[in-house]
Each structure stands twice: as structure tokens, then as C-alpha cells.
Amino acid sequence: MSQGPIGTLLALTIMVLSGCAETYEPPGGDYKKVSALVRFPDFYPGLGTLYVQPKTLPVGPFRAYDRDGKLVSSIYMVPM
């Protein structure tokens, strides 16, 4: 059974960053907001606002920010 992009995104492995200096959005470098690249909400409940380097799609890492713009996790898509 094939999953859609949201189903696949929800099946990701989430690595919560801890012990790191606080980082706020937008990330530097060539990171782009996922909602600007594909049809996806600006803020997704449970994930936050996602940024990714387009050249690393679909694996990631996706950088997830909370409503205050603070980095809360890095997400990788794991092929199944």
C-alpha cells in the first residue's frame, strides 16, 4: 500500500535535538521552507514549520521549528 506525502512524512524518524545552543528560524545556508517547495502547510501540528535543503530531498534532514521559531527537531525520511 502506497502512502501519500503526508503519510510518509508522519512515518519519519524524528530526532529531538538536546543540549544544543538555541537556534531560531529561518535557518541559514540554502535551506528552503518546505511549503514553498511542495504542497504542504506552513505549520503542521506535531511537526512545526519545516525547512530542508532541496538537493537533499526526500531524505532530509528537515529542520522543524515551533510556533516561536525555535528549532525543536531534525527529521529524516527513512525508506521503507
Foldseek 3Di string as FASTA:
>chain_A
DDDDPVVQQVVWDKDWDPPDDKDFDDDDDQKDWVVVVDPDDCQDPPFGTWIFRVVPPPFTQIFHAHPVRITTITIGRDDD
